[in-house]
Structures are given as structure tokens and as C-alpha cells.
């Protein structure tokens, strides 16, 4: 479905549509590869969970990483919205 006011990122002669402001920043700063690497690391870690101790350790690591990413996002003006 097309949005009324789509966002676009121009990279040289290439024009890409962004699905959100966050997607726009990721594309504008060429962070797609870094985001894919982080996703792969998270999936690899999640596959290693075999007991509660491992779960707690990995959850702590992921929570710490997410907190750092949210700090960076806030610097760019992105706020975390709570949903009920």
C-alpha cells in the first residue's frame, strides 16, 4: 500500500523509498549491513539458549545492546512509544 507522503533516500543516481523515519536514517547513513550483522548475531545467540542461566546471560546482553541503540536513536530524535 502506498503512503500519501512517501519518504525517499537519494544515493547518487539511485532513489530508494523508506518505510519510516527510522528506515530513512538507516538507509541515509548506509547502516543496512550493520543492522543485518546485528540481527544475525542476535539470532545466533538465541539459538544457543539451552537453559535458564544461558537465557539470563543472553537476555542481559541483548537488553544492554538495545539500551545503547535507544540512546543513539534518541540523539536522532526518535522516541520509544509505549503501546498498551
PDB file of N, CA and C in Angstrom:
ATOM      1  N   UNK A   1       0.836  -1.184   0.000  1.00  0.00           N
ATOM      2  CA  UNK A   1       0.000   0.000   0.000  1.00  0.00           C
ATOM      3  C   UNK A   1       0.877   1.242   0.000  1.00  0.00           C
ATOM      4  N   UNK A   2       0.621   2.136  -0.886  1.00  0.00           N
ATOM      5  CA  UNK A   2       1.389   3.372  -0.985  1.00  0.00           C
ATOM      6  C   UNK A   2       0.942   4.353   0.090  1.00  0.00           C
ATOM      7  N   UNK A   3       1.927   5.072   0.650  1.00  0.00           N
ATOM      8  CA  UNK A   3       1.612   6.100   1.628  1.00  0.00           C
ATOM      9  C   UNK A   3       1.361   7.411   0.903  1.00  0.00           C
ATOM     10  N   UNK A   4       0.667   8.327   1.567  1.00  0.00           N
ATOM     11  CA  UNK A   4       0.366   9.620   0.945  1.00  0.00           C
ATOM     12  C   UNK A   4       1.635  10.425   0.695  1.00  0.00           C
ATOM     13  N   UNK A   5       2.513  10.461   1.688  1.00  0.00           N
ATOM     14  CA  UNK A   5       3.751  11.230   1.579  1.00  0.00           C
ATOM     15  C   UNK A   5       4.940  10.302   1.806  1.00  0.00           C
ATOM     16  N   UNK A   6       5.333   9.558   0.786  1.00  0.00           N
ATOM     17  CA  UNK A   6       6.432   8.608   0.976  1.00  0.00           C
ATOM     18  C   UNK A   6       7.758   9.326   1.219  1.00  0.00           C
ATOM     19  N   UNK A   7       8.637   8.634   1.938  1.00  0.00           N
ATOM     20  CA  UNK A   7       9.973   9.140   2.210  1.00  0.00           C
ATOM     21  C   UNK A   7      10.937   8.503   1.219  1.00  0.00           C
ATOM     22  N   UNK A   8      11.895   9.289   0.749  1.00  0.00           N
ATOM     23  CA  UNK A   8      12.870   8.781  -0.206  1.00  0.00           C
ATOM     24  C   UNK A   8      14.279   9.118   0.241  1.00  0.00           C
ATOM     25  N   UNK A   9      15.202   8.215  -0.090  1.00  0.00           N
ATOM     26  CA  UNK A   9      16.623   8.421   0.145  1.00  0.00           C
ATOM     27  C   UNK A   9      17.293   8.419  -1.217  1.00  0.00           C
ATOM     28  N   UNK A  10      18.079   9.448  -1.486  1.00  0.00           N
ATOM     29  CA  UNK A  10      18.796   9.539  -2.759  1.00  0.00           C
ATOM     30  C   UNK A  10      20.256   9.207  -2.500  1.00  0.00           C
ATOM     31  N   UNK A  11      20.745   8.163  -3.219  1.00  0.00           N
ATOM     32  CA  UNK A  11      22.148   7.749  -3.122  1.00  0.00           C
ATOM     33  C   UNK A  11      22.727   7.791  -4.527  1.00  0.00           C
ATOM     34  N   UNK A  12      23.385   8.886  -4.842  1.00  0.00           N
ATOM     35  CA  UNK A  12      23.918   9.046  -6.194  1.00  0.00           C
ATOM     36  C   UNK A  12      22.788   9.103  -7.198  1.00  0.00           C
ATOM     37  N   UNK A  13      22.744   8.133  -8.121  1.00  0.00           N
ATOM     38  CA  UNK A  13      21.676   8.075  -9.124  1.00  0.00           C
ATOM     39  C   UNK A  13      20.534   7.170  -8.689  1.00  0.00           C
ATOM     40  N   UNK A  14      20.679   6.528  -7.544  1.00  0.00           N
ATOM     41  CA  UNK A  14      19.675   5.579  -7.054  1.00  0.00           C
ATOM     42  C   UNK A  14      18.739   6.263  -6.057  1.00  0.00           C
ATOM     43  N   UNK A  15      17.443   5.995  -6.182  1.00  0.00           N
ATOM     44  CA  UNK A  15      16.439   6.532  -5.258  1.00  0.00           C
ATOM     45  C   UNK A  15      15.732   5.353  -4.605  1.00  0.00           C
ATOM     46  N   UNK A  16      15.720   5.338  -3.253  1.00  0.00           N
ATOM     47  CA  UNK A  16      15.070   4.257  -2.520  1.00  0.00           C
ATOM     48  C   UNK A  16      13.951   4.830  -1.665  1.00  0.00           C
ATOM     49  N   UNK A  17      12.834   4.107  -1.607  1.00  0.00           N
ATOM     50  CA  UNK A  17      11.744   4.525  -0.736  1.00  0.00           C
ATOM     51  C   UNK A  17      12.007   3.984   0.672  1.00  0.00           C
ATOM     52  N   UNK A  18      11.754   4.816   1.681  1.00  0.00           N
ATOM     53  CA  UNK A  18      11.909   4.416   3.075  1.00  0.00           C
ATOM     54  C   UNK A  18      10.526   4.207   3.681  1.00  0.00           C
ATOM     55  N   UNK A  19      10.380   3.155   4.490  1.00  0.00           N
ATOM     56  CA  UNK A  19       9.073   2.832   5.065  1.00  0.00           C
ATOM     57  C   UNK A  19       8.754   3.646   6.314  1.00  0.00           C
ATOM     58  N   UNK A  20       9.777   4.234   6.944  1.00  0.00           N
ATOM     59  CA  UNK A  20       9.579   5.041   8.152  1.00  0.00           C
ATOM     60  C   UNK A  20      10.761   5.988   8.310  1.00  0.00           C
ATOM     61  N   UNK A  21      10.654   6.882   9.284  1.00  0.00           N
ATOM     62  CA  UNK A  21      11.782   7.791   9.536  1.00  0.00           C
ATOM     63  C   UNK A  21      13.011   7.001   9.985  1.00  0.00           C
ATOM     64  N   UNK A  22      12.795   5.950  10.779  1.00  0.00           N
ATOM     65  CA  UNK A  22      13.905   5.125  11.244  1.00  0.00           C
ATOM     66  C   UNK A  22      14.571   4.436  10.056  1.00  0.00           C
ATOM     67  N   UNK A  23      13.766   3.908   9.138  1.00  0.00           N
ATOM     68  CA  UNK A  23      14.282   3.284   7.921  1.00  0.00           C
ATOM     69  C   UNK A  23      15.037   4.310   7.078  1.00  0.00           C
ATOM     70  N   UNK A  24      14.533   5.525   7.033  1.00  0.00           N
ATOM     71  CA  UNK A  24      15.189   6.606   6.293  1.00  0.00           C
ATOM     72  C   UNK A  24      16.594   6.863   6.838  1.00  0.00           C
ATOM     73  N   UNK A  25      16.722   6.942   8.159  1.00  0.00           N
ATOM     74  CA  UNK A  25      18.027   7.190   8.782  1.00  0.00           C
ATOM     75  C   UNK A  25      18.972   6.024   8.509  1.00  0.00           C
ATOM     76  N   UNK A  26      18.469   4.798   8.635  1.00  0.00           N
ATOM     77  CA  UNK A  26      19.300   3.614   8.376  1.00  0.00           C
ATOM     78  C   UNK A  26      19.830   3.633   6.945  1.00  0.00           C
ATOM     79  N   UNK A  27      18.960   3.938   5.996  1.00  0.00           N
ATOM     80  CA  UNK A  27      19.381   3.970   4.593  1.00  0.00           C
ATOM     81  C   UNK A  27      20.286   5.154   4.300  1.00  0.00           C
ATOM     82  N   UNK A  28      19.969   6.309   4.851  1.00  0.00           N
ATOM     83  CA  UNK A  28      20.757   7.523   4.604  1.00  0.00           C
ATOM     84  C   UNK A  28      22.188   7.367   5.126  1.00  0.00           C
ATOM     85  N   UNK A  29      22.337   6.710   6.282  1.00  0.00           N
ATOM     86  CA  UNK A  29      23.657   6.526   6.882  1.00  0.00           C
ATOM     87  C   UNK A  29      24.327   5.216   6.463  1.00  0.00           C
ATOM     88  N   UNK A  30      23.721   4.516   5.489  1.00  0.00           N
ATOM     89  CA  UNK A  30      24.258   3.249   4.984  1.00  0.00           C
ATOM     90  C   UNK A  30      24.485   2.228   6.104  1.00  0.00           C
ATOM     91  N   UNK A  31      23.485   2.057   6.963  1.00  0.00           N
ATOM     92  CA  UNK A  31      23.599   1.141   8.089  1.00  0.00           C
ATOM     93  C   UNK A  31      22.943  -0.213   7.848  1.00  0.00           C
ATOM     94  N   UNK A  32      22.450  -0.466   6.640  1.00  0.00           N
ATOM     95  CA  UNK A  32      21.771  -1.729   6.372  1.00  0.00           C
ATOM     96  C   UNK A  32      22.659  -2.929   6.696  1.00  0.00           C
ATOM     97  N   UNK A  33      23.920  -2.888   6.294  1.00  0.00           N
ATOM     98  CA  UNK A  33      24.836  -4.010   6.553  1.00  0.00           C
ATOM     99  C   UNK A  33      25.057  -4.204   8.047  1.00  0.00           C
ATOM    100  N   UNK A  34      25.227  -3.113   8.778  1.00  0.00           N
ATOM    101  CA  UNK A  34      25.434  -3.209  10.227  1.00  0.00           C
ATOM    102  C   UNK A  34      24.196  -3.773  10.917  1.00  0.00           C
ATOM    103  N   UNK A  35      23.020  -3.357  10.486  1.00  0.00           N
ATOM    104  CA  UNK A  35      21.774  -3.873  11.062  1.00  0.00           C
ATOM    105  C   UNK A  35      21.642  -5.368  10.776  1.00  0.00           C
ATOM    106  N   UNK A  36      21.971  -5.793   9.575  1.00  0.00           N
ATOM    107  CA  UNK A  36      21.915  -7.221   9.242  1.00  0.00           C
ATOM    108  C   UNK A  36      22.891  -8.035  10.079  1.00  0.00           C
ATOM    109  N   UNK A  37      24.077  -7.497  10.309  1.00  0.00           N
ATOM    110  CA  UNK A  37      25.066  -8.186  11.156  1.00  0.00           C
ATOM    111  C   UNK A  37      24.530  -8.321  12.578  1.00  0.00           C
ATOM    112  N   UNK A  38      23.963  -7.251  13.127  1.00  0.00           N
ATOM    113  CA  UNK A  38      23.391  -7.305  14.476  1.00  0.00           C
ATOM    114  C   UNK A  38      22.261  -8.332  14.554  1.00  0.00           C
ATOM    115  N   UNK A  39      21.391  -8.346  13.550  1.00  0.00           N
ATOM    116  CA  UNK A  39      20.299  -9.323  13.538  1.00  0.00           C
ATOM    117  C   UNK A  39      20.852 -10.742  13.534  1.00  0.00           C
ATOM    118  N   UNK A  40      21.879 -10.990  12.732  1.00  0.00           N
ATOM    119  CA  UNK A  40      22.471 -12.326  12.672  1.00  0.00           C
ATOM    120  C   UNK A  40      23.118 -12.707  14.001  1.00  0.00           C
ATOM    121  N   UNK A  41      23.774 -11.760  14.658  1.00  0.00           N
ATOM    122  CA  UNK A  41      24.367 -12.024  15.969  1.00  0.00           C
ATOM    123  C   UNK A  41      23.275 -12.375  16.972  1.00  0.00           C
ATOM    124  N   UNK A  42      22.180 -11.605  16.988  1.00  0.00           N
ATOM    125  CA  UNK A  42      21.081 -11.885  17.912  1.00  0.00           C
ATOM    126  C   UNK A  42      20.497 -13.272  17.653  1.00  0.00           C
ATOM    127  N   UNK A  43      20.257 -13.626  16.384  1.00  0.00           N
ATOM    128  CA  UNK A  43      19.703 -14.943  16.064  1.00  0.00           C
ATOM    129  C   UNK A  43      20.663 -16.060  16.480  1.00  0.00           C
ATOM    130  N   UNK A  44      21.961 -15.857  16.252  1.00  0.00           N
ATOM    131  CA  UNK A  44      22.954 -16.852  16.652  1.00  0.00           C
ATOM    132  C   UNK A  44      22.940 -17.040  18.165  1.00  0.00           C
ATOM    133  N   UNK A  45      22.872 -15.934  18.902  1.00  0.00           N
ATOM    134  CA  UNK A  45      22.830 -16.028  20.360  1.00  0.00           C
ATOM    135  C   UNK A  45      21.566 -16.740  20.836  1.00  0.00           C
ATOM    136  N   UNK A  46      20.443 -16.415  20.228  1.00  0.00           N
ATOM    137  CA  UNK A  46      19.183 -17.039  20.642  1.00  0.00           C
ATOM    138  C   UNK A  46      19.174 -18.544  20.395  1.00  0.00           C
ATOM    139  N   UNK A  47      19.880 -18.988  19.369  1.00  0.00           N
ATOM    140  CA  UNK A  47      19.972 -20.423  19.084  1.00  0.00           C
ATOM    141  C   UNK A  47      20.780 -21.168  20.152  1.00  0.00           C
ATOM    142  N   UNK A  48      21.596 -20.444  20.920  1.00  0.00           N
ATOM    143  CA  UNK A  48      22.460 -21.072  21.922  1.00  0.00           C
ATOM    144  C   UNK A  48      21.756 -21.327  23.253  1.00  0.00           C
ATOM    145  N   UNK A  49      20.546 -20.851  23.401  1.00  0.00           N
ATOM    146  CA  UNK A  49      19.845 -20.981  24.683  1.00  0.00           C
ATOM    147  C   UNK A  49      19.434 -22.435  24.896  1.00  0.00           C
ATOM    148  N   UNK A  50      19.983 -23.020  25.955  1.00  0.00           N
ATOM    149  CA  UNK A  50      19.643 -24.391  26.314  1.00  0.00           C
ATOM    150  C   UNK A  50      19.134 -24.492  27.751  1.00  0.00           C
ATOM    151  N   UNK A  51      19.420 -23.473  28.579  1.00  0.00           N
ATOM    152  CA  UNK A  51      18.959 -23.499  29.958  1.00  0.00           C
ATOM    153  C   UNK A  51      18.705 -22.067  30.432  1.00  0.00           C
ATOM    154  N   UNK A  52      18.179 -21.945  31.628  1.00  0.00           N
ATOM    155  CA  UNK A  52      17.779 -20.636  32.140  1.00  0.00           C
ATOM    156  C   UNK A  52      18.982 -19.716  32.364  1.00  0.00           C
ATOM    157  N   UNK A  53      20.108 -20.262  32.804  1.00  0.00           N
ATOM    158  CA  UNK A  53      21.303 -19.435  33.035  1.00  0.00           C
ATOM    159  C   UNK A  53      21.786 -18.803  31.731  1.00  0.00           C
ATOM    160  N   UNK A  54      21.779 -19.590  30.661  1.00  0.00           N
ATOM    161  CA  UNK A  54      22.179 -19.065  29.355  1.00  0.00           C
ATOM    162  C   UNK A  54      21.184 -18.018  28.887  1.00  0.00           C
ATOM    163  N   UNK A  55      19.905 -18.299  29.104  1.00  0.00           N
ATOM    164  CA  UNK A  55      18.862 -17.336  28.739  1.00  0.00           C
ATOM    165  C   UNK A  55      19.086 -15.997  29.446  1.00  0.00           C
ATOM    166  N   UNK A  56      19.340 -16.037  30.752  1.00  0.00           N
ATOM    167  CA  UNK A  56      19.542 -14.800  31.513  1.00  0.00           C
ATOM    168  C   UNK A  56      20.758 -14.023  31.007  1.00  0.00           C
ATOM    169  N   UNK A  57      21.841 -14.731  30.713  1.00  0.00           N
ATOM    170  CA  UNK A  57      23.059 -14.070  30.230  1.00  0.00           C
ATOM    171  C   UNK A  57      22.822 -13.421  28.874  1.00  0.00           C
ATOM    172  N   UNK A  58      22.191 -14.144  27.965  1.00  0.00           N
ATOM    173  CA  UNK A  58      21.941 -13.607  26.621  1.00  0.00           C
ATOM    174  C   UNK A  58      20.922 -12.476  26.673  1.00  0.00           C
ATOM    175  N   UNK A  59      19.890 -12.630  27.505  1.00  0.00           N
ATOM    176  CA  UNK A  59      18.896 -11.564  27.648  1.00  0.00           C
ATOM    177  C   UNK A  59      19.545 -10.296  28.183  1.00  0.00           C
ATOM    178  N   UNK A  60      20.446 -10.433  29.162  1.00  0.00           N
ATOM    179  CA  UNK A  60      21.159  -9.268  29.692  1.00  0.00           C
ATOM    180  C   UNK A  60      21.980  -8.567  28.622  1.00  0.00           C
ATOM    181  N   UNK A  61      22.660  -9.357  27.781  1.00  0.00           N
ATOM    182  CA  UNK A  61      23.463  -8.790  26.693  1.00  0.00           C
ATOM    183  C   UNK A  61      22.577  -8.059  25.691  1.00  0.00           C
ATOM    184  N   UNK A  62      21.478  -8.700  25.276  1.00  0.00           N
ATOM    185  CA  UNK A  62      20.581  -8.078  24.300  1.00  0.00           C
ATOM    186  C   UNK A  62      19.935  -6.825  24.878  1.00  0.00           C
ATOM    187  N   UNK A  63      19.519  -6.878  26.152  1.00  0.00           N
ATOM    188  CA  UNK A  63      18.939  -5.691  26.791  1.00  0.00           C
ATOM    189  C   UNK A  63      19.929  -4.533  26.819  1.00  0.00           C
ATOM    190  N   UNK A  64      21.189  -4.836  27.109  1.00  0.00           N
ATOM    191  CA  UNK A  64      22.232  -3.801  27.131  1.00  0.00           C
ATOM    192  C   UNK A  64      22.444  -3.205  25.740  1.00  0.00           C
ATOM    193  N   UNK A  65      22.495  -4.061  24.733  1.00  0.00           N
ATOM    194  CA  UNK A  65      22.666  -3.581  23.352  1.00  0.00           C
ATOM    195  C   UNK A  65      21.480  -2.715  22.926  1.00  0.00           C
ATOM    196  N   UNK A  66      20.270  -3.152  23.251  1.00  0.00           N
ATOM    197  CA  UNK A  66      19.080  -2.387  22.880  1.00  0.00           C
ATOM    198  C   UNK A  66      19.049  -1.032  23.595  1.00  0.00           C
ATOM    199  N   UNK A  67      19.460  -0.993  24.844  1.00  0.00           N
ATOM    200  CA  UNK A  67      19.503   0.271  25.579  1.00  0.00           C
ATOM    201  C   UNK A  67      20.474   1.245  24.917  1.00  0.00           C
ATOM    202  N   UNK A  68      21.621   0.737  24.489  1.00  0.00           N
ATOM    203  CA  UNK A  68      22.594   1.593  23.804  1.00  0.00           C
ATOM    204  C   UNK A  68      22.050   2.092  22.468  1.00  0.00           C
ATOM    205  N   UNK A  69      21.352   1.216  21.744  1.00  0.00           N
ATOM    206  CA  UNK A  69      20.778   1.635  20.463  1.00  0.00           C
ATOM    207  C   UNK A  69      19.673   2.666  20.665  1.00  0.00           C
ATOM    208  N   UNK A  70      18.913   2.526  21.742  1.00  0.00           N
ATOM    209  CA  UNK A  70      17.856   3.501  22.023  1.00  0.00           C
ATOM    210  C   UNK A  70      18.447   4.856  22.390  1.00  0.00           C
ATOM    211  N   UNK A  71      19.585   4.862  23.088  1.00  0.00           N
ATOM    212  CA  UNK A  71      20.277   6.121  23.382  1.00  0.00           C
ATOM    213  C   UNK A  71      20.676   6.824  22.091  1.00  0.00           C
ATOM    214  N   UNK A  72      21.209   6.063  21.159  1.00  0.00           N
ATOM    215  CA  UNK A  72      21.606   6.625  19.871  1.00  0.00           C
ATOM    216  C   UNK A  72      20.383   7.126  19.117  1.00  0.00           C
ATOM    217  N   UNK A  73      19.304   6.341  19.130  1.00  0.00           N
ATOM    218  CA  UNK A  73      18.077   6.743  18.437  1.00  0.00           C
ATOM    219  C   UNK A  73      17.533   8.050  19.013  1.00  0.00           C
ATOM    220  N   UNK A  74      17.606   8.216  20.335  1.00  0.00           N
ATOM    221  CA  UNK A  74      17.120   9.449  20.961  1.00  0.00           C
ATOM    222  C   UNK A  74      17.936  10.658  20.510  1.00  0.00           C
ATOM    223  N   UNK A  75      19.223  10.453  20.268  1.00  0.00           N
ATOM    224  CA  UNK A  75      20.065  11.551  19.769  1.00  0.00           C
ATOM    225  C   UNK A  75      19.582  12.043  18.413  1.00  0.00           C
ATOM    226  N   UNK A  76      18.988  11.126  17.631  1.00  0.00           N
ATOM    227  CA  UNK A  76      18.453  11.494  16.322  1.00  0.00           C
ATOM    228  C   UNK A  76      16.996  11.935  16.398  1.00  0.00           C
ATOM    229  N   UNK A  77      16.446  11.984  17.599  1.00  0.00           N
ATOM    230  CA  UNK A  77      15.088  12.465  17.772  1.00  0.00           C
ATOM    231  C   UNK A  77      14.021  11.387  17.735  1.00  0.00           C
ATOM    232  N   UNK A  78      14.430  10.114  17.800  1.00  0.00           N
ATOM    233  CA  UNK A  78      13.458   9.022  17.837  1.00  0.00           C
ATOM    234  C   UNK A  78      13.171   8.685  19.274  1.00  0.00           C
ATOM    235  N   UNK A  79      11.909   8.642  19.625  1.00  0.00           N
ATOM    236  CA  UNK A  79      11.496   8.295  20.976  1.00  0.00           C
ATOM    237  C   UNK A  79      10.801   6.947  20.956  1.00  0.00           C
ATOM    238  N   UNK A  80      10.969   6.202  22.022  1.00  0.00           N
ATOM    239  CA  UNK A  80      10.288   4.921  22.141  1.00  0.00           C
ATOM    240  C   UNK A  80       8.867   5.180  22.610  1.00  0.00           C
ATOM    241  N   UNK A  81       7.905   4.652  21.873  1.00  0.00           N
ATOM    242  CA  UNK A  81       6.497   4.845  22.207  1.00  0.00           C
ATOM    243  C   UNK A  81       5.967   3.581  22.867  1.00  0.00           C
ATOM    244  N   UNK A  82       5.290   3.741  23.991  1.00  0.00           N
ATOM    245  CA  UNK A  82       4.677   2.620  24.685  1.00  0.00           C
ATOM    246  C   UNK A  82       3.298   2.352  24.098  1.00  0.00           C
ATOM    247  N   UNK A  83       2.989   1.088  23.880  1.00  0.00           N
ATOM    248  CA  UNK A  83       1.657   0.696  23.422  1.00  0.00           C
ATOM    249  C   UNK A  83       1.022  -0.162  24.494  1.00  0.00           C
ATOM    250  N   UNK A  84      -0.279  -0.052  24.618  1.00  0.00           N
ATOM    251  CA  UNK A  84      -0.994  -0.832  25.636  1.00  0.00           C
ATOM    252  C   UNK A  84      -1.565  -2.082  25.061  1.00  0.00           C
TER     253      UNK A  84
END
